[in-house]
Amino acid sequence: MSTIDSAASLRAKIKACILCAKNLPHGPRPVTSWSVKSRILIIGQAPGRVVHESGVPWQDVSGRVLRNWLSVSDEIFYDPEQFGLMPMGFCYPGKGKSGDLPPRPECAPLWHDEILDHLKQVKLTILIGKYAQNYYLGKKAHKTLTENVKAYKQFWPEILPLPHPSPRNRPWLFANPWFEKDLIPLLQKRVRTALSGTIAG
């Protein structure tokens, strides 16, 4: 089986996954997008209700903010040969007392390694939110998301931790003006170099 056929088979398996069905109040609908040619990988939390309904990752207010941070068009963002989109939990976990429930814990150990085995062209991995950062930074993760983001040089240029672009995080952005002033321009430059195929930047 060719690499492309293997990737297509894996995507089909993920799309058909019902492992967590009994724990998903709105039912399973795995949402992810990637290609063996993806240059940038974004690992987020889990789809929200809007994305669950559309089946399109990051097609919500948070996604618009994220694309603004990255300075990329919808066309580029949704081209799987440019961006791979892989959440910690592939299905909408439902609503909790103060926002969406955490990503289902089954997805990452079940599927991530298989997906990553196909992503040999990735130049930059963006970890959005504490769930992705704890999982992928491991012992290098700091106690708080803010500390992770401030310590971005520790992981640069292959990995970049970011806060979630949700409107709920506006108070965080207000309290941390350095993020949009200093880090976002560096992020945008890094995205351009990654999409152009270079590693440095």
N, C-alpha and C. Protein backbone atom coordinates (compact mmCIF):
# COMPACT_ATOMS: atom_id res chain seq x y z
N MET A 1 0.85 -1.19 0.00
CA MET A 1 0.00 0.00 0.00
C MET A 1 0.88 1.25 0.00
N SER A 2 0.60 2.20 -0.88
CA SER A 2 1.38 3.43 -0.93
C SER A 2 1.12 4.27 0.30
N THR A 3 2.01 5.24 0.52
CA THR A 3 1.84 6.13 1.67
C THR A 3 0.53 6.89 1.58
N ILE A 4 0.19 7.35 0.38
CA ILE A 4 -1.06 8.10 0.20
C ILE A 4 -2.26 7.21 0.46
N ASP A 5 -2.23 5.97 -0.05
CA ASP A 5 -3.34 5.04 0.19
C ASP A 5 -3.45 4.70 1.66
N SER A 6 -2.30 4.55 2.32
CA SER A 6 -2.29 4.25 3.75
C SER A 6 -2.90 5.39 4.55
N ALA A 7 -2.56 6.62 4.15
CA ALA A 7 -3.12 7.80 4.83
C ALA A 7 -4.63 7.87 4.62
N ALA A 8 -5.09 7.60 3.40
CA ALA A 8 -6.52 7.62 3.11
C ALA A 8 -7.26 6.56 3.93
N SER A 9 -6.64 5.39 4.07
CA SER A 9 -7.24 4.32 4.86
C SER A 9 -7.34 4.71 6.32
N LEU A 10 -6.29 5.37 6.83
CA LEU A 10 -6.30 5.81 8.22
C LEU A 10 -7.37 6.87 8.45
N ARG A 11 -7.50 7.82 7.54
CA ARG A 11 -8.53 8.85 7.69
C ARG A 11 -9.92 8.22 7.70
N ALA A 12 -10.13 7.21 6.88
CA ALA A 12 -11.42 6.53 6.84
C ALA A 12 -11.71 5.81 8.16
N LYS A 13 -10.68 5.20 8.73
CA LYS A 13 -10.84 4.51 10.02
C LYS A 13 -11.20 5.50 11.12
N ILE A 14 -10.53 6.65 11.11
CA ILE A 14 -10.81 7.67 12.13
C ILE A 14 -12.23 8.20 11.97
N LYS A 15 -12.63 8.45 10.74
CA LYS A 15 -13.97 8.98 10.48
C LYS A 15 -15.05 8.02 10.96
N ALA A 16 -14.76 6.72 10.92
CA ALA A 16 -15.75 5.71 11.31
C ALA A 16 -15.67 5.35 12.80
N CYS A 17 -14.76 5.97 13.55
CA CYS A 17 -14.54 5.60 14.94
C CYS A 17 -15.77 5.92 15.80
N ILE A 18 -16.17 4.95 16.61
CA ILE A 18 -17.30 5.14 17.54
C ILE A 18 -16.91 4.71 18.95
N LEU A 19 -15.62 4.67 19.23
CA LEU A 19 -15.12 4.17 20.51
C LEU A 19 -15.78 4.88 21.70
N CYS A 20 -15.94 6.20 21.61
CA CYS A 20 -16.45 6.97 22.74
C CYS A 20 -17.94 7.29 22.64
N ALA A 21 -18.64 6.64 21.72
CA ALA A 21 -20.03 7.01 21.42
C ALA A 21 -20.90 7.14 22.66
N LYS A 22 -20.75 6.22 23.61
CA LYS A 22 -21.62 6.25 24.79
C LYS A 22 -21.32 7.43 25.71
N ASN A 23 -20.16 8.07 25.52
CA ASN A 23 -19.77 9.22 26.34
C ASN A 23 -19.96 10.55 25.64
N LEU A 24 -20.49 10.52 24.43
CA LEU A 24 -20.65 11.74 23.64
C LEU A 24 -22.13 12.09 23.54
N PRO A 25 -22.58 13.14 24.23
CA PRO A 25 -24.00 13.47 24.25
C PRO A 25 -24.58 13.82 22.90
N HIS A 26 -23.73 14.24 21.95
CA HIS A 26 -24.22 14.58 20.62
C HIS A 26 -23.78 13.55 19.58
N GLY A 27 -23.24 12.45 20.05
CA GLY A 27 -22.82 11.39 19.14
C GLY A 27 -21.44 11.63 18.57
N PRO A 28 -20.84 10.59 17.99
CA PRO A 28 -19.50 10.73 17.41
C PRO A 28 -19.51 11.40 16.05
N ARG A 29 -18.60 12.30 15.84
CA ARG A 29 -18.33 12.89 14.53
C ARG A 29 -16.88 13.36 14.53
N PRO A 30 -15.94 12.45 14.32
CA PRO A 30 -14.52 12.83 14.36
C PRO A 30 -14.20 13.90 13.32
N VAL A 31 -13.48 14.93 13.76
CA VAL A 31 -13.14 16.06 12.88
C VAL A 31 -11.63 16.24 12.88
N THR A 32 -11.02 16.05 11.73
CA THR A 32 -9.58 16.27 11.58
C THR A 32 -9.29 16.46 10.10
N SER A 33 -8.13 17.01 9.79
CA SER A 33 -7.75 17.25 8.39
C SER A 33 -6.23 17.26 8.29
N TRP A 34 -5.68 16.41 7.40
CA TRP A 34 -4.23 16.38 7.24
C TRP A 34 -3.88 15.62 5.96
N SER A 35 -2.64 15.80 5.54
CA SER A 35 -2.13 15.16 4.34
C SER A 35 -0.69 14.73 4.62
N VAL A 36 -0.20 13.78 3.87
CA VAL A 36 1.21 13.38 4.02
C VAL A 36 2.13 14.54 3.65
N LYS A 37 1.59 15.57 3.02
CA LYS A 37 2.39 16.73 2.63
C LYS A 37 2.23 17.92 3.57
N SER A 38 1.44 17.79 4.62
CA SER A 38 1.22 18.90 5.55
C SER A 38 2.54 19.47 6.06
N ARG A 39 2.65 20.80 6.06
CA ARG A 39 3.89 21.46 6.50
C ARG A 39 3.78 21.99 7.93
N ILE A 40 2.58 22.36 8.32
CA ILE A 40 2.35 22.86 9.68
C ILE A 40 1.27 22.00 10.31
N LEU A 41 1.51 21.56 11.53
CA LEU A 41 0.53 20.76 12.26
C LEU A 41 0.01 21.56 13.44
N ILE A 42 -1.31 21.68 13.52
CA ILE A 42 -1.95 22.35 14.65
C ILE A 42 -2.66 21.30 15.49
N ILE A 43 -2.24 21.20 16.74
CA ILE A 43 -2.86 20.26 17.67
C ILE A 43 -3.66 21.08 18.68
N GLY A 44 -4.97 20.99 18.59
CA GLY A 44 -5.84 21.77 19.46
C GLY A 44 -6.49 20.92 20.53
N GLN A 45 -7.67 21.31 20.98
CA GLN A 45 -8.34 20.62 22.08
C GLN A 45 -9.36 19.62 21.54
N ALA A 46 -10.53 20.10 21.17
CA ALA A 46 -11.59 19.25 20.62
C ALA A 46 -12.57 20.15 19.89
N PRO A 47 -13.31 19.60 18.93
CA PRO A 47 -14.29 20.44 18.23
C PRO A 47 -15.34 20.98 19.19
N GLY A 48 -15.79 22.19 18.91
CA GLY A 48 -16.92 22.75 19.64
C GLY A 48 -18.22 22.37 18.95
N ARG A 49 -19.33 22.86 19.45
CA ARG A 49 -20.65 22.49 18.91
C ARG A 49 -20.79 22.93 17.45
N VAL A 50 -20.31 24.14 17.12
CA VAL A 50 -20.43 24.65 15.75
C VAL A 50 -19.65 23.76 14.78
N VAL A 51 -18.43 23.38 15.15
CA VAL A 51 -17.61 22.52 14.30
C VAL A 51 -18.21 21.12 14.22
N HIS A 52 -18.77 20.64 15.32
CA HIS A 52 -19.45 19.34 15.30
C HIS A 52 -20.55 19.32 14.25
N GLU A 53 -21.28 20.42 14.15
CA GLU A 53 -22.41 20.47 13.21
C GLU A 53 -21.94 20.58 11.77
N SER A 54 -20.84 21.31 11.54
CA SER A 54 -20.36 21.51 10.16
C SER A 54 -19.41 20.41 9.71
N GLY A 55 -18.69 19.84 10.65
CA GLY A 55 -17.68 18.85 10.30
C GLY A 55 -16.39 19.45 9.76
N VAL A 56 -16.27 20.78 9.86
CA VAL A 56 -15.09 21.48 9.35
C VAL A 56 -14.29 22.02 10.53
N PRO A 57 -13.04 21.58 10.72
CA PRO A 57 -12.27 22.02 11.88
C PRO A 57 -12.01 23.52 11.90
N TRP A 58 -12.12 24.10 13.08
CA TRP A 58 -11.82 25.53 13.27
C TRP A 58 -12.70 26.44 12.43
N GLN A 59 -13.89 25.99 12.07
CA GLN A 59 -14.81 26.85 11.31
C GLN A 59 -15.77 27.52 12.30
N ASP A 60 -15.19 28.40 13.12
CA ASP A 60 -15.94 29.11 14.14
C ASP A 60 -15.20 30.38 14.50
N VAL A 61 -15.66 31.07 15.51
CA VAL A 61 -15.03 32.34 15.91
C VAL A 61 -13.57 32.11 16.30
N SER A 62 -13.32 31.05 17.06
CA SER A 62 -11.94 30.75 17.46
C SER A 62 -11.05 30.54 16.25
N GLY A 63 -11.58 29.87 15.23
CA GLY A 63 -10.81 29.63 14.01
C GLY A 63 -10.47 30.91 13.28
N ARG A 64 -11.40 31.85 13.27
CA ARG A 64 -11.12 33.13 12.61
C ARG A 64 -10.01 33.88 13.33
N VAL A 65 -10.05 33.84 14.66
CA VAL A 65 -8.98 34.48 15.44
C VAL A 65 -7.66 33.79 15.16
N LEU A 66 -7.67 32.46 15.13
CA LEU A 66 -6.44 31.71 14.89
C LEU A 66 -5.85 32.04 13.53
N ARG A 67 -6.68 32.08 12.50
CA ARG A 67 -6.16 32.40 11.16
C ARG A 67 -5.63 33.83 11.10
N ASN A 68 -6.20 34.71 11.90
CA ASN A 68 -5.67 36.07 11.98
C ASN A 68 -4.30 36.07 12.66
N TRP A 69 -4.16 35.29 13.72
CA TRP A 69 -2.85 35.16 14.38
C TRP A 69 -1.81 34.63 13.41
N LEU A 70 -2.20 33.64 12.61
CA LEU A 70 -1.26 33.01 11.68
C LEU A 70 -1.02 33.86 10.44
N SER A 71 -1.95 34.79 10.18
CA SER A 71 -1.93 35.62 8.97
C SER A 71 -2.01 34.75 7.71
N VAL A 72 -2.99 33.86 7.69
CA VAL A 72 -3.22 33.02 6.51
C VAL A 72 -4.69 33.10 6.12
N SER A 73 -4.95 32.89 4.85
CA SER A 73 -6.31 32.90 4.34
C SER A 73 -7.00 31.57 4.65
N ASP A 74 -8.32 31.56 4.53
CA ASP A 74 -9.07 30.32 4.68
C ASP A 74 -8.58 29.28 3.68
N GLU A 75 -8.30 29.73 2.47
CA GLU A 75 -7.87 28.81 1.41
C GLU A 75 -6.58 28.08 1.80
N ILE A 76 -5.62 28.80 2.34
CA ILE A 76 -4.35 28.19 2.76
C ILE A 76 -4.57 27.32 3.99
N PHE A 77 -5.32 27.82 4.95
CA PHE A 77 -5.54 27.10 6.21
C PHE A 77 -6.21 25.76 5.97
N TYR A 78 -7.15 25.73 5.04
CA TYR A 78 -7.90 24.51 4.80
C TYR A 78 -7.33 23.65 3.67
N ASP A 79 -6.12 23.98 3.26
CA ASP A 79 -5.41 23.12 2.32
C ASP A 79 -4.59 22.13 3.15
N PRO A 80 -4.98 20.85 3.18
CA PRO A 80 -4.27 19.89 4.04
C PRO A 80 -2.81 19.70 3.67
N GLU A 81 -2.41 20.11 2.47
CA GLU A 81 -0.99 20.03 2.11
C GLU A 81 -0.20 21.16 2.77
N GLN A 82 -0.91 22.15 3.32
CA GLN A 82 -0.27 23.25 4.05
C GLN A 82 -0.41 23.04 5.56
N PHE A 83 -1.66 22.82 6.00
CA PHE A 83 -1.94 22.68 7.43
C PHE A 83 -2.57 21.34 7.74
N GLY A 84 -2.01 20.64 8.73
CA GLY A 84 -2.66 19.48 9.31
C GLY A 84 -3.35 19.92 10.59
N LEU A 85 -4.59 19.49 10.78
CA LEU A 85 -5.40 19.90 11.93
C LEU A 85 -5.79 18.66 12.71
N MET A 86 -5.19 18.48 13.89
CA MET A 86 -5.36 17.27 14.67
C MET A 86 -5.64 17.63 16.13
N PRO A 87 -6.89 17.52 16.57
CA PRO A 87 -7.19 17.85 17.96
C PRO A 87 -6.81 16.73 18.92
N MET A 88 -6.79 17.06 20.20
CA MET A 88 -6.55 16.04 21.22
C MET A 88 -7.72 15.08 21.30
N GLY A 89 -8.91 15.60 21.16
CA GLY A 89 -10.12 14.78 21.08
C GLY A 89 -10.82 15.08 19.77
N PHE A 90 -11.15 14.06 18.99
CA PHE A 90 -11.66 14.30 17.64
C PHE A 90 -13.13 14.65 17.57
N CYS A 91 -13.88 14.36 18.65
CA CYS A 91 -15.33 14.62 18.65
C CYS A 91 -15.70 15.66 19.70
N TYR A 92 -16.82 16.31 19.48
CA TYR A 92 -17.33 17.30 20.43
C TYR A 92 -17.70 16.59 21.73
N PRO A 93 -17.06 16.95 22.85
CA PRO A 93 -17.29 16.23 24.10
C PRO A 93 -18.55 16.63 24.85
N GLY A 94 -19.19 17.72 24.41
CA GLY A 94 -20.37 18.21 25.11
C GLY A 94 -20.06 19.39 26.01
N LYS A 95 -21.10 19.93 26.59
CA LYS A 95 -20.98 21.15 27.38
C LYS A 95 -20.81 20.83 28.86
N GLY A 96 -19.92 21.59 29.51
CA GLY A 96 -19.74 21.46 30.95
C GLY A 96 -20.28 22.69 31.66
N LYS A 97 -19.95 22.83 32.94
CA LYS A 97 -20.46 23.95 33.71
C LYS A 97 -19.87 25.29 33.28
N SER A 98 -18.62 25.28 32.81
CA SER A 98 -17.97 26.54 32.43
C SER A 98 -17.31 26.41 31.06
N GLY A 99 -18.09 25.99 30.09
CA GLY A 99 -17.57 25.79 28.74
C GLY A 99 -17.63 24.33 28.33
N ASP A 100 -16.98 24.00 27.24
CA ASP A 100 -16.99 22.62 26.76
C ASP A 100 -16.24 21.71 27.73
N LEU A 101 -16.65 20.44 27.75
CA LEU A 101 -15.95 19.45 28.54
C LEU A 101 -14.55 19.21 27.97
N PRO A 102 -13.65 18.62 28.75
CA PRO A 102 -12.31 18.33 28.24
C PRO A 102 -12.36 17.36 27.06
N PRO A 103 -11.34 17.35 26.21
CA PRO A 103 -11.27 16.37 25.13
C PRO A 103 -11.33 14.95 25.69
N ARG A 104 -11.99 14.05 24.96
CA ARG A 104 -12.00 12.66 25.38
C ARG A 104 -10.56 12.13 25.41
N PRO A 105 -10.18 11.41 26.47
CA PRO A 105 -8.79 10.98 26.61
C PRO A 105 -8.40 9.80 25.72
N GLU A 106 -9.37 9.18 25.06
CA GLU A 106 -9.06 8.00 24.26
C GLU A 106 -8.40 8.31 22.92
N CYS A 107 -8.68 9.48 22.37
CA CYS A 107 -8.29 9.77 20.97
C CYS A 107 -6.78 9.83 20.77
N ALA A 108 -6.10 10.64 21.57
CA ALA A 108 -4.67 10.87 21.33
C ALA A 108 -3.86 9.57 21.37
N PRO A 109 -3.99 8.74 22.42
CA PRO A 109 -3.19 7.51 22.42
C PRO A 109 -3.63 6.51 21.35
N LEU A 110 -4.87 6.60 20.91
CA LEU A 110 -5.36 5.66 19.89
C LEU A 110 -4.92 6.03 18.49
N TRP A 111 -4.94 7.35 18.16
CA TRP A 111 -4.76 7.75 16.77
C TRP A 111 -3.54 8.62 16.48
N HIS A 112 -3.07 9.38 17.44
CA HIS A 112 -2.05 10.38 17.13
C HIS A 112 -0.77 9.79 16.53
N ASP A 113 -0.26 8.74 17.13
CA ASP A 113 1.00 8.18 16.63
C ASP A 113 0.85 7.71 15.18
N GLU A 114 -0.29 7.11 14.88
CA GLU A 114 -0.53 6.66 13.50
C GLU A 114 -0.55 7.82 12.53
N ILE A 115 -1.20 8.92 12.94
CA ILE A 115 -1.23 10.10 12.08
C ILE A 115 0.18 10.67 11.93
N LEU A 116 0.88 10.82 13.04
CA LEU A 116 2.21 11.41 13.01
C LEU A 116 3.18 10.59 12.16
N ASP A 117 2.97 9.30 12.09
CA ASP A 117 3.82 8.45 11.24
C ASP A 117 3.71 8.84 9.77
N HIS A 118 2.60 9.50 9.40
CA HIS A 118 2.39 9.92 8.01
C HIS A 118 2.85 11.35 7.75
N LEU A 119 3.13 12.10 8.83
CA LEU A 119 3.42 13.53 8.68
C LEU A 119 4.93 13.78 8.73
N LYS A 120 5.60 13.40 7.69
CA LYS A 120 7.06 13.53 7.63
C LYS A 120 7.53 14.88 7.11
N GLN A 121 6.61 15.70 6.60
CA GLN A 121 6.98 16.99 6.02
C GLN A 121 6.71 18.16 6.96
N VAL A 122 6.24 17.88 8.15
CA VAL A 122 5.88 18.97 9.08
C VAL A 122 7.14 19.71 9.55
N LYS A 123 7.11 21.03 9.42
CA LYS A 123 8.21 21.90 9.84
C LYS A 123 7.91 22.62 11.16
N LEU A 124 6.63 22.74 11.47
CA LEU A 124 6.22 23.48 12.67
C LEU A 124 4.98 22.81 13.26
N THR A 125 5.03 22.54 14.57
CA THR A 125 3.88 22.01 15.29
C THR A 125 3.42 23.05 16.30
N ILE A 126 2.16 23.44 16.21
CA ILE A 126 1.58 24.44 17.10
C ILE A 126 0.67 23.73 18.10
N LEU A 127 0.97 23.91 19.38
CA LEU A 127 0.21 23.27 20.45
C LEU A 127 -0.72 24.30 21.07
N ILE A 128 -2.01 24.13 20.84
CA ILE A 128 -2.98 25.12 21.30
C ILE A 128 -3.70 24.61 22.55
N GLY A 129 -3.50 25.32 23.64
CA GLY A 129 -4.16 24.96 24.89
C GLY A 129 -3.34 24.00 25.74
N LYS A 130 -3.73 23.90 26.99
CA LYS A 130 -2.95 23.15 27.99
C LYS A 130 -3.00 21.64 27.76
N TYR A 131 -4.10 21.13 27.22
CA TYR A 131 -4.18 19.68 27.01
C TYR A 131 -3.11 19.22 26.02
N ALA A 132 -3.01 19.91 24.91
CA ALA A 132 -2.01 19.56 23.89
C ALA A 132 -0.60 19.80 24.42
N GLN A 133 -0.43 20.88 25.17
CA GLN A 133 0.91 21.20 25.69
C GLN A 133 1.37 20.19 26.72
N ASN A 134 0.49 19.79 27.62
CA ASN A 134 0.88 18.80 28.62
C ASN A 134 1.23 17.47 27.96
N TYR A 135 0.46 17.09 26.96
CA TYR A 135 0.65 15.80 26.31
C TYR A 135 1.95 15.76 25.52
N TYR A 136 2.23 16.84 24.79
CA TYR A 136 3.37 16.81 23.87
C TYR A 136 4.65 17.44 24.43
N LEU A 137 4.54 18.29 25.41
CA LEU A 137 5.75 18.83 26.02
C LEU A 137 6.25 17.94 27.15
N GLY A 138 5.36 17.15 27.70
CA GLY A 138 5.75 16.20 28.73
C GLY A 138 6.42 16.88 29.92
N LYS A 139 7.60 16.39 30.28
CA LYS A 139 8.33 16.93 31.43
C LYS A 139 8.82 18.36 31.19
N LYS A 140 8.84 18.78 29.94
CA LYS A 140 9.27 20.14 29.63
C LYS A 140 8.16 21.17 29.83
N ALA A 141 6.93 20.67 30.01
CA ALA A 141 5.80 21.58 30.20
C ALA A 141 5.93 22.31 31.53
N HIS A 142 5.56 23.57 31.53
CA HIS A 142 5.55 24.36 32.75
C HIS A 142 4.21 24.20 33.46
N LYS A 143 4.08 24.79 34.63
CA LYS A 143 2.87 24.58 35.43
C LYS A 143 1.64 25.22 34.80
N THR A 144 1.83 26.33 34.11
CA THR A 144 0.68 27.03 33.53
C THR A 144 0.86 27.25 32.04
N LEU A 145 -0.25 27.47 31.37
CA LEU A 145 -0.21 27.77 29.94
C LEU A 145 0.59 29.05 29.69
N THR A 146 0.39 30.05 30.52
CA THR A 146 1.11 31.31 30.35
C THR A 146 2.62 31.09 30.38
N GLU A 147 3.07 30.26 31.31
CA GLU A 147 4.50 29.97 31.40
C GLU A 147 4.98 29.22 30.16
N ASN A 148 4.16 28.31 29.64
CA ASN A 148 4.54 27.60 28.41
C ASN A 148 4.73 28.57 27.26
N VAL A 149 3.77 29.48 27.11
CA VAL A 149 3.82 30.41 25.98
C VAL A 149 4.99 31.37 26.14
N LYS A 150 5.21 31.85 27.35
CA LYS A 150 6.34 32.76 27.59
C LYS A 150 7.68 32.07 27.34
N ALA A 151 7.73 30.77 27.52
CA ALA A 151 8.96 30.00 27.34
C ALA A 151 9.08 29.44 25.92
N TYR A 152 8.43 30.09 24.97
CA TYR A 152 8.37 29.54 23.61
C TYR A 152 9.77 29.30 23.02
N LYS A 153 10.75 30.12 23.41
CA LYS A 153 12.09 29.95 22.85
C LYS A 153 12.70 28.61 23.22
N GLN A 154 12.18 28.00 24.28
CA GLN A 154 12.66 26.69 24.71
C GLN A 154 12.32 25.61 23.68
N PHE A 155 11.26 25.84 22.91
CA PHE A 155 10.77 24.83 21.96
C PHE A 155 10.95 25.25 20.50
N TRP A 156 11.30 26.48 20.28
CA TRP A 156 11.46 27.09 18.96
C TRP A 156 12.64 26.46 18.23
N PRO A 157 12.58 26.27 16.88
CA PRO A 157 11.48 26.69 15.99
C PRO A 157 10.53 25.56 15.59
N GLU A 158 10.75 24.33 16.09
CA GLU A 158 9.91 23.21 15.65
C GLU A 158 8.55 23.18 16.32
N ILE A 159 8.47 23.66 17.57
CA ILE A 159 7.22 23.60 18.34
C ILE A 159 6.92 24.98 18.92
N LEU A 160 5.63 25.33 18.90
CA LEU A 160 5.23 26.62 19.47
C LEU A 160 3.93 26.44 20.27
N PRO A 161 3.98 26.67 21.59
CA PRO A 161 2.75 26.62 22.40
C PRO A 161 2.00 27.94 22.30
N LEU A 162 0.68 27.84 22.15
CA LEU A 162 -0.17 29.04 22.06
C LEU A 162 -1.37 28.89 22.98
N PRO A 163 -1.95 30.02 23.40
CA PRO A 163 -3.22 29.95 24.12
C PRO A 163 -4.34 29.61 23.14
N HIS A 164 -5.48 29.24 23.67
CA HIS A 164 -6.61 28.97 22.78
C HIS A 164 -7.18 30.31 22.29
N PRO A 165 -7.50 30.42 21.00
CA PRO A 165 -8.01 31.68 20.47
C PRO A 165 -9.49 31.92 20.73
N SER A 166 -10.06 31.24 21.69
CA SER A 166 -11.48 31.39 22.02
C SER A 166 -11.77 32.80 22.55
N PRO A 167 -12.96 33.33 22.25
CA PRO A 167 -13.36 34.62 22.84
C PRO A 167 -13.31 34.59 24.36
N ARG A 168 -13.45 33.42 24.95
CA ARG A 168 -13.36 33.30 26.41
C ARG A 168 -11.98 33.70 26.93
N ASN A 169 -10.98 33.70 26.05
CA ASN A 169 -9.61 34.02 26.47
C ASN A 169 -9.24 35.49 26.27
N ARG A 170 -10.22 36.32 25.96
CA ARG A 170 -9.92 37.75 25.80
C ARG A 170 -9.31 38.36 27.06
N PRO A 171 -9.77 37.99 28.26
CA PRO A 171 -9.12 38.52 29.47
C PRO A 171 -7.64 38.13 29.53
N TRP A 172 -7.29 36.92 29.06
CA TRP A 172 -5.88 36.51 29.05
C TRP A 172 -5.08 37.40 28.10
N LEU A 173 -5.63 37.66 26.94
CA LEU A 173 -4.94 38.51 25.97
C LEU A 173 -4.77 39.93 26.52
N PHE A 174 -5.78 40.41 27.21
CA PHE A 174 -5.71 41.74 27.80
C PHE A 174 -4.63 41.79 28.88
N ALA A 175 -4.50 40.71 29.64
CA ALA A 175 -3.53 40.66 30.73
C ALA A 175 -2.11 40.38 30.24
N ASN A 176 -1.99 39.92 29.00
CA ASN A 176 -0.68 39.56 28.44
C ASN A 176 -0.48 40.24 27.08
N PRO A 177 -0.38 41.57 27.07
CA PRO A 177 -0.26 42.29 25.80
C PRO A 177 0.98 41.92 25.01
N TRP A 178 2.02 41.40 25.66
CA TRP A 178 3.24 40.98 24.97
C TRP A 178 2.97 39.91 23.93
N PHE A 179 1.91 39.13 24.15
CA PHE A 179 1.64 38.02 23.23
C PHE A 179 1.35 38.54 21.82
N GLU A 180 0.41 39.47 21.70
CA GLU A 180 0.07 39.99 20.38
C GLU A 180 1.12 40.97 19.88
N LYS A 181 1.79 41.66 20.79
CA LYS A 181 2.79 42.65 20.38
C LYS A 181 4.09 42.00 19.91
N ASP A 182 4.56 40.99 20.65
CA ASP A 182 5.88 40.43 20.38
C ASP A 182 5.85 39.04 19.73
N LEU A 183 4.97 38.17 20.22
CA LEU A 183 5.01 36.79 19.74
C LEU A 183 4.28 36.58 18.42
N ILE A 184 3.15 37.26 18.24
CA ILE A 184 2.38 37.06 17.00
C ILE A 184 3.20 37.41 15.75
N PRO A 185 3.95 38.52 15.72
CA PRO A 185 4.78 38.78 14.53
C PRO A 185 5.81 37.68 14.27
N LEU A 186 6.39 37.13 15.33
CA LEU A 186 7.34 36.02 15.17
C LEU A 186 6.63 34.77 14.65
N LEU A 187 5.44 34.52 15.18
CA LEU A 187 4.64 33.38 14.72
C LEU A 187 4.35 33.50 13.22
N GLN A 188 3.94 34.69 12.79
CA GLN A 188 3.59 34.87 11.38
C GLN A 188 4.79 34.67 10.48
N LYS A 189 5.94 35.15 10.91
CA LYS A 189 7.16 34.93 10.14
C LYS A 189 7.51 33.45 10.09
N ARG A 190 7.37 32.78 11.23
CA ARG A 190 7.68 31.35 11.29
C ARG A 190 6.75 30.54 10.39
N VAL A 191 5.48 30.92 10.36
CA VAL A 191 4.50 30.26 9.48
C VAL A 191 4.90 30.42 8.02
N ARG A 192 5.32 31.62 7.65
CA ARG A 192 5.72 31.85 6.26
C ARG A 192 6.90 30.96 5.89
N THR A 193 7.89 30.87 6.77
CA THR A 193 9.06 30.06 6.44
C THR A 193 8.70 28.57 6.40
N ALA A 194 7.83 28.13 7.29
CA ALA A 194 7.42 26.72 7.29
C ALA A 194 6.66 26.36 6.02
N LEU A 195 5.80 27.25 5.58
CA LEU A 195 5.02 26.99 4.37
C LEU A 195 5.88 27.05 3.12
N SER A 196 6.99 27.79 3.22
CA SER A 196 7.88 27.87 2.06
C SER A 196 8.83 26.67 1.99
N GLY A 197 8.79 25.85 3.07
CA GLY A 197 9.60 24.62 3.05
C GLY A 197 10.92 24.75 3.77
N THR A 198 11.21 25.91 4.36
CA THR A 198 12.47 26.06 5.08
C THR A 198 12.24 25.77 6.56
N ILE A 199 13.29 25.42 7.27
CA ILE A 199 13.19 25.09 8.69
C ILE A 199 13.52 26.28 9.56
N ALA A 200 14.52 27.04 9.18
CA ALA A 200 14.94 28.19 10.00
C ALA A 200 13.89 29.28 9.97
N GLY A 201 13.84 30.07 11.03
CA GLY A 201 12.94 31.21 11.02
C GLY A 201 12.44 31.53 12.41
